[in-house]
Amino acid sequence: QLQLVESGGGLVQPGGSLRLSCAASGFTLDYYVIGWLRQAPGKEREAVSCISFSDGSTYYVDSVKGRFTISRDNAKNTVYLQMNSLKPEDTAVYYCAADPLEYLSTTQAMCTEVITPWGQGTQVTVSS
């Protein structure tokens, strides 16, 4: 069974940090673009960050640049999102999403236009 298993959400104070994990099972991520989408109440879903597992190229939405870092562990078939300096506006359900890299596409295009969530998401709440 092909699965992406998310973990790591929670409640954190403004300025704090969380690390999200997304582990793939049943398949290899080698030719996938994988990352995180988020949706806050009353807002549209947006792409936060993605990484191409094959070449490590990344994408970040402007609002998280310099605060979030996406990384991959090829041996563990897992991607991580380290979120630092969290703000209340980062509060959302975060979904791990992945799709095979399309021919001639880019990590940014895949992240913002193609990849779809696989699971139920994990809640991240930033509040004092």
Foldseek 3Di string as FASTA:
>chain_A
DWDWDKDWADEAAQQAKIKMKIFIPPDAQQQKKKAKWWDDPPDDIFQAKIARNNPGDMDGDPVQPPFWDWDDDRVRSMIMIIGGSDDQVVWTFMFMWMDGDDPPDDSVCCRGPNTDGDDDGHTHGHHD
